Amino acid sequence: MDKATTTADTLELLHLNQIAIRAAIEEVSTWIRQRGSVNVHDNVMATLLTLDLNAGAIDSAIERLRE
């Protein structure tokens, strides 16, 4: 395997981990909201937008490495 493929494969695994962690955090945040902490939930959801933005950049980088 060449370096670009290895890097792309590694980034893809990290990206999948990021998606899983984001989903878990969102689940916990929803649980917190259901117990009355709407502000905490709103703050968490706003912060998760950063993960969403970075996910797009990671996808683009993986695609460029695979070309």
C-alpha atoms as a PDB file:
ATOM      1  CA  MET A   1       0.000   0.000   0.000  1.00  0.00           C
ATOM      2  CA  ASP A   2       1.235   3.474  -0.731  1.00  0.00           C
ATOM      3  CA  LYS A   3       1.319   6.280   1.829  1.00  0.00           C
ATOM      4  CA  ALA A   4      -1.709   8.084   0.408  1.00  0.00           C
ATOM      5  CA  THR A   5      -3.871   4.956   0.639  1.00  0.00           C
ATOM      6  CA  THR A   6      -2.705   4.228   4.158  1.00  0.00           C
ATOM      7  CA  THR A   7      -3.394   7.818   5.176  1.00  0.00           C
ATOM      8  CA  ALA A   8      -6.837   7.757   3.546  1.00  0.00           C
ATOM      9  CA  ASP A   9      -7.713   4.469   5.258  1.00  0.00           C
ATOM     10  CA  THR A  10      -6.599   5.826   8.629  1.00  0.00           C
ATOM     11  CA  LEU A  11      -8.509   9.084   8.159  1.00  0.00           C
ATOM     12  CA  GLU A  12     -11.604   7.122   7.198  1.00  0.00           C
ATOM     13  CA  LEU A  13     -11.425   5.093  10.426  1.00  0.00           C
ATOM     14  CA  LEU A  14     -10.952   8.263  12.479  1.00  0.00           C
ATOM     15  CA  HIS A  15     -13.865   9.833  10.634  1.00  0.00           C
ATOM     16  CA  LEU A  16     -16.096   6.851  11.440  1.00  0.00           C
ATOM     17  CA  ASN A  17     -15.064   7.147  15.087  1.00  0.00           C
ATOM     18  CA  GLN A  18     -15.928  10.854  15.012  1.00  0.00           C
ATOM     19  CA  ILE A  19     -19.377  10.077  13.612  1.00  0.00           C
ATOM     20  CA  ALA A  20     -19.980   7.480  16.334  1.00  0.00           C
ATOM     21  CA  ILE A  21     -18.823   9.805  19.109  1.00  0.00           C
ATOM     22  CA  ARG A  22     -21.023  12.597  17.733  1.00  0.00           C
ATOM     23  CA  ALA A  23     -24.056  10.300  17.728  1.00  0.00           C
ATOM     24  CA  ALA A  24     -23.372   9.213  21.309  1.00  0.00           C
ATOM     25  CA  ILE A  25     -22.983  12.806  22.490  1.00  0.00           C
ATOM     26  CA  GLU A  26     -26.223  13.763  20.769  1.00  0.00           C
ATOM     27  CA  GLU A  27     -28.035  10.873  22.486  1.00  0.00           C
ATOM     28  CA  VAL A  28     -26.757  11.970  25.898  1.00  0.00           C
ATOM     29  CA  SER A  29     -27.673  15.569  25.125  1.00  0.00           C
ATOM     30  CA  THR A  30     -31.210  14.545  24.188  1.00  0.00           C
ATOM     31  CA  TRP A  31     -31.470  12.603  27.449  1.00  0.00           C
ATOM     32  CA  ILE A  32     -30.318  15.710  29.335  1.00  0.00           C
ATOM     33  CA  ARG A  33     -32.888  17.878  27.508  1.00  0.00           C
ATOM     34  CA  GLN A  34     -35.664  15.454  28.425  1.00  0.00           C
ATOM     35  CA  ARG A  35     -34.738  15.986  32.057  1.00  0.00           C
ATOM     36  CA  GLY A  36     -35.114  19.741  31.836  1.00  0.00           C
ATOM     37  CA  SER A  37     -31.689  21.102  30.864  1.00  0.00           C
ATOM     38  CA  VAL A  38     -32.634  22.669  27.571  1.00  0.00           C
ATOM     39  CA  ASN A  39     -29.743  25.168  27.703  1.00  0.00           C
ATOM     40  CA  VAL A  40     -27.175  22.391  28.059  1.00  0.00           C
ATOM     41  CA  HIS A  41     -28.725  20.553  25.116  1.00  0.00           C
ATOM     42  CA  ASP A  42     -28.706  23.689  22.966  1.00  0.00           C
ATOM     43  CA  ASN A  43     -25.045  24.349  23.805  1.00  0.00           C
ATOM     44  CA  VAL A  44     -24.058  20.785  22.984  1.00  0.00           C
ATOM     45  CA  MET A  45     -25.939  20.838  19.687  1.00  0.00           C
ATOM     46  CA  ALA A  46     -24.268  24.116  18.712  1.00  0.00           C
ATOM     47  CA  THR A  47     -20.875  22.633  19.487  1.00  0.00           C
ATOM     48  CA  LEU A  48     -21.643  19.513  17.454  1.00  0.00           C
ATOM     49  CA  LEU A  49     -21.946  21.737  14.389  1.00  0.00           C
ATOM     50  CA  THR A  50     -18.154  22.002  14.483  1.00  0.00           C
ATOM     51  CA  LEU A  51     -17.898  18.228  14.167  1.00  0.00           C
ATOM     52  CA  ASP A  52     -20.282  18.350  11.223  1.00  0.00           C
ATOM     53  CA  LEU A  53     -18.220  21.010   9.465  1.00  0.00           C
ATOM     54  CA  ASN A  54     -14.992  19.143  10.094  1.00  0.00           C
ATOM     55  CA  ALA A  55     -16.554  15.908   8.845  1.00  0.00           C
ATOM     56  CA  GLY A  56     -17.046  17.505   5.455  1.00  0.00           C
ATOM     57  CA  ALA A  57     -13.410  18.585   5.306  1.00  0.00           C
ATOM     58  CA  ILE A  58     -12.251  15.108   6.309  1.00  0.00           C
ATOM     59  CA  ASP A  59     -14.403  13.555   3.572  1.00  0.00           C
ATOM     60  CA  SER A  60     -12.851  15.898   1.008  1.00  0.00           C
ATOM     61  CA  ALA A  61      -9.339  15.073   2.157  1.00  0.00           C
ATOM     62  CA  ILE A  62     -10.005  11.347   1.941  1.00  0.00           C
ATOM     63  CA  GLU A  63     -11.342  11.736  -1.587  1.00  0.00           C
ATOM     64  CA  ARG A  64      -8.273  13.717  -2.674  1.00  0.00           C
ATOM     65  CA  LEU A  65      -5.950  11.094  -1.212  1.00  0.00           C
ATOM     66  CA  ARG A  66      -7.784   8.314  -3.035  1.00  0.00           C
ATOM     67  CA  GLU A  67      -7.457  10.015  -6.464  1.00  0.00           C
END
